[in-house]
Amino acid sequence: MSREPIFNVPPITLWLSVVMVAVFAALHLLPEAVWAPVIDRMAVVPAYFGYLGQLPPLDALSVVASLVFYALVHYEPIHLIANLGFFLAFGSVCERQYGPRRYTVLLLVTTVAAALAQIAASWGEQTTLIGASGAVSGCIGAFCRIALARHDPAGRRLALNLIGFTIIANALFAVMGGGFMGVDAQIAWQAHIGGFLAGLLLGAPRRA
């Protein structure tokens, strides 16, 4: 008799989680002189997009690539743990529902949408955006779309509760930053909303 694995995480979600943990470990184990230039390239910095056309081609390419690669970077443990928890839960559902190709598109589009929302809200600012929160929010939005499309009252209630939670949590982030969670940092709530809306729009369930 075969046994189900304890952690039955589909491959894309699993390997992206492993990469995020590996990047986090590298940030804390390697000297700052090694990882700081890499993070400068991977993080989204809204100010850079204001003069994108004036940059050398390779630098401009790096800035554009940051719209995706920023999602792999976490510096604070609580940031990584929270994102991994939600990603493993909701990303796994989305990967099984959509299959690898459509799931990859979902992750890419919601990651970029989250970054663009943050850039628009912080245009010209020398702030940095890192972390998978936008993609995670996109997976939550897609999950809500899946649940709302099913003829299951309990699933629909869960989806509506998640939508309400997303709105309330990000309203609190907008007003209080991370203070109400005991985190002394600004929370990129605009990125959360951008990713969530993109996931909600793209998340129509696959037809049987």
C-alpha atoms as a PDB file:
ATOM      1  CA  MET A   1       0.000   0.000   0.000  1.00  0.00           C
ATOM      2  CA  SER A   2       1.460   3.345  -1.062  1.00  0.00           C
ATOM      3  CA  ARG A   3       1.625   6.163   1.401  1.00  0.00           C
ATOM      4  CA  GLU A   4       0.935   9.817   0.708  1.00  0.00           C
ATOM      5  CA  PRO A   5       3.891  12.064   1.540  1.00  0.00           C
ATOM      6  CA  ILE A   6       3.489  14.220   4.625  1.00  0.00           C
ATOM      7  CA  PHE A   7       4.248  17.369   2.651  1.00  0.00           C
ATOM      8  CA  ASN A   8       2.552  16.901  -0.718  1.00  0.00           C
ATOM      9  CA  VAL A   9       3.717  20.139  -2.338  1.00  0.00           C
ATOM     10  CA  PRO A  10       3.661  20.323  -6.158  1.00  0.00           C
ATOM     11  CA  PRO A  11       7.037  20.888  -7.856  1.00  0.00           C
ATOM     12  CA  ILE A  12       6.984  24.545  -8.925  1.00  0.00           C
ATOM     13  CA  THR A  13       5.751  25.714  -5.539  1.00  0.00           C
ATOM     14  CA  LEU A  14       8.253  23.469  -3.790  1.00  0.00           C
ATOM     15  CA  TRP A  15      11.310  24.548  -5.779  1.00  0.00           C
ATOM     16  CA  LEU A  16      10.478  28.247  -5.628  1.00  0.00           C
ATOM     17  CA  SER A  17      10.174  27.869  -1.855  1.00  0.00           C
ATOM     18  CA  VAL A  18      13.580  26.176  -1.752  1.00  0.00           C
ATOM     19  CA  VAL A  19      15.103  29.016  -3.800  1.00  0.00           C
ATOM     20  CA  MET A  20      13.636  31.625  -1.444  1.00  0.00           C
ATOM     21  CA  VAL A  21      15.108  29.831   1.565  1.00  0.00           C
ATOM     22  CA  ALA A  22      18.465  29.513  -0.206  1.00  0.00           C
ATOM     23  CA  VAL A  23      18.570  33.233  -1.041  1.00  0.00           C
ATOM     24  CA  PHE A  24      17.643  34.076   2.549  1.00  0.00           C
ATOM     25  CA  ALA A  25      20.413  31.817   3.855  1.00  0.00           C
ATOM     26  CA  ALA A  26      22.945  33.368   1.485  1.00  0.00           C
ATOM     27  CA  LEU A  27      22.067  36.865   2.696  1.00  0.00           C
ATOM     28  CA  HIS A  28      22.787  35.893   6.278  1.00  0.00           C
ATOM     29  CA  LEU A  29      25.793  33.640   5.742  1.00  0.00           C
ATOM     30  CA  LEU A  30      27.807  35.496   3.111  1.00  0.00           C
ATOM     31  CA  PRO A  31      29.652  38.799   3.706  1.00  0.00           C
ATOM     32  CA  GLU A  32      27.693  41.944   2.901  1.00  0.00           C
ATOM     33  CA  ALA A  33      30.255  42.870   0.256  1.00  0.00           C
ATOM     34  CA  VAL A  34      29.206  39.758  -1.659  1.00  0.00           C
ATOM     35  CA  TRP A  35      25.416  39.920  -1.440  1.00  0.00           C
ATOM     36  CA  ALA A  36      24.716  43.665  -1.279  1.00  0.00           C
ATOM     37  CA  PRO A  37      25.419  44.306  -5.006  1.00  0.00           C
ATOM     38  CA  VAL A  38      23.255  41.313  -5.915  1.00  0.00           C
ATOM     39  CA  ILE A  39      20.340  42.567  -3.837  1.00  0.00           C
ATOM     40  CA  ASP A  40      20.729  46.016  -5.362  1.00  0.00           C
ATOM     41  CA  ARG A  41      20.149  44.373  -8.736  1.00  0.00           C
ATOM     42  CA  MET A  42      17.270  42.128  -7.648  1.00  0.00           C
ATOM     43  CA  ALA A  43      15.241  44.605  -5.573  1.00  0.00           C
ATOM     44  CA  VAL A  44      12.691  46.889  -7.223  1.00  0.00           C
ATOM     45  CA  VAL A  45      13.632  50.543  -6.705  1.00  0.00           C
ATOM     46  CA  PRO A  46      10.915  52.891  -8.037  1.00  0.00           C
ATOM     47  CA  ALA A  47      13.393  55.731  -8.613  1.00  0.00           C
ATOM     48  CA  TYR A  48      15.292  53.679 -11.199  1.00  0.00           C
ATOM     49  CA  PHE A  49      12.276  53.481 -13.487  1.00  0.00           C
ATOM     50  CA  GLY A  50      12.118  57.270 -13.770  1.00  0.00           C
ATOM     51  CA  TYR A  51      15.292  57.359 -15.850  1.00  0.00           C
ATOM     52  CA  LEU A  52      15.232  53.871 -17.336  1.00  0.00           C
ATOM     53  CA  GLY A  53      15.835  55.171 -20.857  1.00  0.00           C
ATOM     54  CA  GLN A  54      19.009  56.946 -19.765  1.00  0.00           C
ATOM     55  CA  LEU A  55      20.687  53.825 -18.393  1.00  0.00           C
ATOM     56  CA  PRO A  56      23.199  51.657 -20.269  1.00  0.00           C
ATOM     57  CA  PRO A  57      21.488  48.634 -21.873  1.00  0.00           C
ATOM     58  CA  LEU A  58      22.699  46.074 -19.325  1.00  0.00           C
ATOM     59  CA  ASP A  59      21.715  48.276 -16.389  1.00  0.00           C
ATOM     60  CA  ALA A  60      18.292  48.908 -17.943  1.00  0.00           C
ATOM     61  CA  LEU A  61      17.846  45.162 -18.450  1.00  0.00           C
ATOM     62  CA  SER A  62      18.731  44.578 -14.802  1.00  0.00           C
ATOM     63  CA  VAL A  63      16.131  47.117 -13.671  1.00  0.00           C
ATOM     64  CA  VAL A  64      13.440  45.492 -15.823  1.00  0.00           C
ATOM     65  CA  ALA A  65      14.433  42.006 -14.619  1.00  0.00           C
ATOM     66  CA  SER A  66      13.994  43.166 -11.027  1.00  0.00           C
ATOM     67  CA  LEU A  67      10.227  43.205 -11.695  1.00  0.00           C
ATOM     68  CA  VAL A  68      10.419  39.414 -11.333  1.00  0.00           C
ATOM     69  CA  PHE A  69      13.502  38.592  -9.280  1.00  0.00           C
ATOM     70  CA  TYR A  70      12.643  40.812  -6.301  1.00  0.00           C
ATOM     71  CA  ALA A  71      10.123  38.165  -5.259  1.00  0.00           C
ATOM     72  CA  LEU A  72      12.897  35.712  -4.376  1.00  0.00           C
ATOM     73  CA  VAL A  73      14.526  38.004  -1.809  1.00  0.00           C
ATOM     74  CA  HIS A  74      13.622  38.135   1.897  1.00  0.00           C
ATOM     75  CA  TYR A  75      15.810  39.584   4.611  1.00  0.00           C
ATOM     76  CA  GLU A  76      13.689  39.406   7.774  1.00  0.00           C
ATOM     77  CA  PRO A  77      12.805  35.904   9.073  1.00  0.00           C
ATOM     78  CA  ILE A  78       9.163  36.823   9.757  1.00  0.00           C
ATOM     79  CA  HIS A  79       8.823  38.078   6.173  1.00  0.00           C
ATOM     80  CA  LEU A  80      10.106  34.791   4.763  1.00  0.00           C
ATOM     81  CA  ILE A  81       8.097  32.582   7.138  1.00  0.00           C
ATOM     82  CA  ALA A  82       4.824  34.409   6.487  1.00  0.00           C
ATOM     83  CA  ASN A  83       5.262  34.385   2.723  1.00  0.00           C
ATOM     84  CA  LEU A  84       6.320  30.744   2.640  1.00  0.00           C
ATOM     85  CA  GLY A  85       3.358  29.685   4.761  1.00  0.00           C
ATOM     86  CA  PHE A  86       0.805  31.393   2.542  1.00  0.00           C
ATOM     87  CA  PHE A  87       2.649  30.412  -0.642  1.00  0.00           C
ATOM     88  CA  LEU A  88       2.761  26.726   0.250  1.00  0.00           C
ATOM     89  CA  ALA A  89      -0.936  26.778   1.165  1.00  0.00           C
ATOM     90  CA  PHE A  90      -2.423  28.805  -1.690  1.00  0.00           C
ATOM     91  CA  GLY A  91       0.252  28.291  -4.323  1.00  0.00           C
ATOM     92  CA  SER A  92      -0.112  24.520  -4.040  1.00  0.00           C
ATOM     93  CA  VAL A  93      -3.858  24.743  -4.661  1.00  0.00           C
ATOM     94  CA  CYS A  94      -3.341  27.012  -7.667  1.00  0.00           C
ATOM     95  CA  GLU A  95      -0.618  24.819  -9.171  1.00  0.00           C
ATOM     96  CA  ARG A  96      -2.833  21.737  -8.948  1.00  0.00           C
ATOM     97  CA  GLN A  97      -5.810  23.613 -10.376  1.00  0.00           C
ATOM     98  CA  TYR A  98      -4.055  25.313 -13.301  1.00  0.00           C
ATOM     99  CA  GLY A  99      -1.199  22.990 -14.182  1.00  0.00           C
ATOM    100  CA  PRO A 100       2.452  24.060 -14.512  1.00  0.00           C
ATOM    101  CA  ARG A 101       2.229  26.368 -17.533  1.00  0.00           C
ATOM    102  CA  ARG A 102      -0.739  28.438 -16.470  1.00  0.00           C
ATOM    103  CA  TYR A 103       0.492  28.517 -12.883  1.00  0.00           C
ATOM    104  CA  THR A 104       3.848  29.877 -14.038  1.00  0.00           C
ATOM    105  CA  VAL A 105       2.063  32.592 -16.017  1.00  0.00           C
ATOM    106  CA  LEU A 106      -0.049  33.418 -12.955  1.00  0.00           C
ATOM    107  CA  LEU A 107       3.046  33.811 -10.782  1.00  0.00           C
ATOM    108  CA  LEU A 108       4.886  35.951 -13.332  1.00  0.00           C
ATOM    109  CA  VAL A 109       1.936  38.247 -14.051  1.00  0.00           C
ATOM    110  CA  THR A 110       0.976  38.765 -10.408  1.00  0.00           C
ATOM    111  CA  THR A 111       4.611  39.353  -9.418  1.00  0.00           C
ATOM    112  CA  VAL A 112       5.028  42.012 -12.109  1.00  0.00           C
ATOM    113  CA  ALA A 113       1.600  43.542 -11.390  1.00  0.00           C
ATOM    114  CA  ALA A 114       2.494  43.870  -7.712  1.00  0.00           C
ATOM    115  CA  ALA A 115       5.782  45.577  -8.553  1.00  0.00           C
ATOM    116  CA  LEU A 116       4.140  47.979 -11.005  1.00  0.00           C
ATOM    117  CA  ALA A 117       1.505  48.904  -8.427  1.00  0.00           C
ATOM    118  CA  GLN A 118       4.240  49.707  -5.911  1.00  0.00           C
ATOM    119  CA  ILE A 119       6.270  51.668  -8.483  1.00  0.00           C
ATOM    120  CA  ALA A 120       3.215  53.742  -9.415  1.00  0.00           C
ATOM    121  CA  ALA A 121       2.459  54.460  -5.756  1.00  0.00           C
ATOM    122  CA  SER A 122       6.086  55.320  -4.913  1.00  0.00           C
ATOM    123  CA  TRP A 123       7.175  56.909  -8.182  1.00  0.00           C
ATOM    124  CA  GLY A 124      10.623  58.438  -7.984  1.00  0.00           C
ATOM    125  CA  GLU A 125      11.294  57.236  -4.445  1.00  0.00           C
ATOM    126  CA  GLN A 126      14.531  55.532  -3.442  1.00  0.00           C
ATOM    127  CA  THR A 127      12.683  52.803  -1.552  1.00  0.00           C
ATOM    128  CA  THR A 128      13.145  49.090  -2.191  1.00  0.00           C
ATOM    129  CA  LEU A 129      10.609  46.339  -2.760  1.00  0.00           C
ATOM    130  CA  ILE A 130      11.561  42.734  -2.020  1.00  0.00           C
ATOM    131  CA  GLY A 131       9.671  39.577  -1.165  1.00  0.00           C
ATOM    132  CA  ALA A 132       7.060  37.258  -2.635  1.00  0.00           C
ATOM    133  CA  SER A 133       4.084  39.010  -1.021  1.00  0.00           C
ATOM    134  CA  GLY A 134       2.745  40.206  -4.367  1.00  0.00           C
ATOM    135  CA  ALA A 135       2.815  36.724  -5.885  1.00  0.00           C
ATOM    136  CA  VAL A 136       1.370  35.257  -2.690  1.00  0.00           C
ATOM    137  CA  SER A 137      -1.451  37.808  -2.813  1.00  0.00           C
ATOM    138  CA  GLY A 138      -1.965  36.818  -6.443  1.00  0.00           C
ATOM    139  CA  CYS A 139      -2.323  33.171  -5.434  1.00  0.00           C
ATOM    140  CA  ILE A 140      -4.846  34.146  -2.763  1.00  0.00           C
ATOM    141  CA  GLY A 141      -6.802  36.150  -5.346  1.00  0.00           C
ATOM    142  CA  ALA A 142      -6.742  33.224  -7.779  1.00  0.00           C
ATOM    143  CA  PHE A 143      -7.831  30.842  -5.013  1.00  0.00           C
ATOM    144  CA  CYS A 144     -10.790  33.123  -4.277  1.00  0.00           C
ATOM    145  CA  ARG A 145     -11.728  33.079  -7.962  1.00  0.00           C
ATOM    146  CA  ILE A 146     -11.581  29.273  -7.990  1.00  0.00           C
ATOM    147  CA  ALA A 147     -13.722  28.994  -4.856  1.00  0.00           C
ATOM    148  CA  LEU A 148     -16.292  31.525  -6.069  1.00  0.00           C
ATOM    149  CA  ALA A 149     -16.722  29.612  -9.333  1.00  0.00           C
ATOM    150  CA  ARG A 150     -17.662  26.383  -7.578  1.00  0.00           C
ATOM    151  CA  HIS A 151     -21.148  25.424  -6.409  1.00  0.00           C
ATOM    152  CA  ASP A 152     -19.977  25.084  -2.843  1.00  0.00           C
ATOM    153  CA  PRO A 153     -21.431  27.488  -0.256  1.00  0.00           C
ATOM    154  CA  ALA A 154     -18.629  26.800   2.236  1.00  0.00           C
ATOM    155  CA  GLY A 155     -15.970  27.512  -0.386  1.00  0.00           C
ATOM    156  CA  ARG A 156     -17.681  30.717  -1.422  1.00  0.00           C
ATOM    157  CA  ARG A 157     -17.894  31.877   2.178  1.00  0.00           C
ATOM    158  CA  LEU A 158     -14.189  31.172   2.584  1.00  0.00           C
ATOM    159  CA  ALA A 159     -13.417  33.178  -0.558  1.00  0.00           C
ATOM    160  CA  LEU A 160     -15.506  36.133   0.597  1.00  0.00           C
ATOM    161  CA  ASN A 161     -13.847  35.994   4.016  1.00  0.00           C
ATOM    162  CA  LEU A 162     -10.408  36.004   2.374  1.00  0.00           C
ATOM    163  CA  ILE A 163     -11.342  38.981   0.219  1.00  0.00           C
ATOM    164  CA  GLY A 164     -12.565  40.832   3.298  1.00  0.00           C
ATOM    165  CA  PHE A 165      -9.435  39.881   5.238  1.00  0.00           C
ATOM    166  CA  THR A 166      -7.226  41.117   2.382  1.00  0.00           C
ATOM    167  CA  ILE A 167      -9.003  44.471   2.274  1.00  0.00           C
ATOM    168  CA  ILE A 168      -8.930  44.987   6.046  1.00  0.00           C
ATOM    169  CA  ALA A 169      -5.335  43.807   6.516  1.00  0.00           C
ATOM    170  CA  ASN A 170      -3.999  46.053   3.778  1.00  0.00           C
ATOM    171  CA  ALA A 171      -6.031  49.004   5.039  1.00  0.00           C
ATOM    172  CA  LEU A 172      -4.298  48.500   8.394  1.00  0.00           C
ATOM    173  CA  PHE A 173      -0.928  48.197   6.654  1.00  0.00           C
ATOM    174  CA  ALA A 174      -1.627  51.471   4.845  1.00  0.00           C
ATOM    175  CA  VAL A 175      -2.430  53.289   8.081  1.00  0.00           C
ATOM    176  CA  MET A 176      -0.079  51.638  10.556  1.00  0.00           C
ATOM    177  CA  GLY A 177       2.629  49.959   8.494  1.00  0.00           C
ATOM    178  CA  GLY A 178       3.774  46.802  10.230  1.00  0.00           C
ATOM    179  CA  GLY A 179       3.079  48.248  13.664  1.00  0.00           C
ATOM    180  CA  PHE A 180      -0.122  46.337  14.343  1.00  0.00           C
ATOM    181  CA  MET A 181       1.786  43.081  13.727  1.00  0.00           C
ATOM    182  CA  GLY A 182       4.716  44.138  15.869  1.00  0.00           C
ATOM    183  CA  VAL A 183       6.982  44.644  12.852  1.00  0.00           C
ATOM    184  CA  ASP A 184       9.042  47.819  12.660  1.00  0.00           C
ATOM    185  CA  ALA A 185       8.915  48.188   8.883  1.00  0.00           C
ATOM    186  CA  GLN A 186       6.840  49.659   6.102  1.00  0.00           C
ATOM    187  CA  ILE A 187       4.583  47.143   4.399  1.00  0.00           C
ATOM    188  CA  ALA A 188       4.174  47.307   0.618  1.00  0.00           C
ATOM    189  CA  TRP A 189       0.398  47.152   0.757  1.00  0.00           C
ATOM    190  CA  GLN A 190       0.076  48.612  -2.745  1.00  0.00           C
ATOM    191  CA  ALA A 191       1.996  45.620  -4.081  1.00  0.00           C
ATOM    192  CA  HIS A 192      -0.297  43.279  -2.151  1.00  0.00           C
ATOM    193  CA  ILE A 193      -3.376  44.862  -3.717  1.00  0.00           C
ATOM    194  CA  GLY A 194      -1.847  44.856  -7.205  1.00  0.00           C
ATOM    195  CA  GLY A 195      -0.964  41.171  -6.964  1.00  0.00           C
ATOM    196  CA  PHE A 196      -4.307  40.227  -5.427  1.00  0.00           C
ATOM    197  CA  LEU A 197      -6.348  41.981  -8.125  1.00  0.00           C
ATOM    198  CA  ALA A 198      -4.230  40.435 -10.875  1.00  0.00           C
ATOM    199  CA  GLY A 199      -4.764  36.985  -9.366  1.00  0.00           C
ATOM    200  CA  LEU A 200      -8.484  37.591  -9.019  1.00  0.00           C
ATOM    201  CA  LEU A 201      -8.701  38.607 -12.690  1.00  0.00           C
ATOM    202  CA  LEU A 202      -6.543  35.770 -14.013  1.00  0.00           C
ATOM    203  CA  GLY A 203      -7.803  33.079 -11.689  1.00  0.00           C
ATOM    204  CA  ALA A 204     -10.744  31.643 -13.614  1.00  0.00           C
ATOM    205  CA  PRO A 205     -10.646  27.882 -12.947  1.00  0.00           C
ATOM    206  CA  ARG A 206      -9.567  25.502 -15.675  1.00  0.00           C
ATOM    207  CA  ARG A 207     -12.453  23.919 -17.539  1.00  0.00           C
ATOM    208  CA  ALA A 208     -12.830  20.200 -17.221  1.00  0.00           C
END
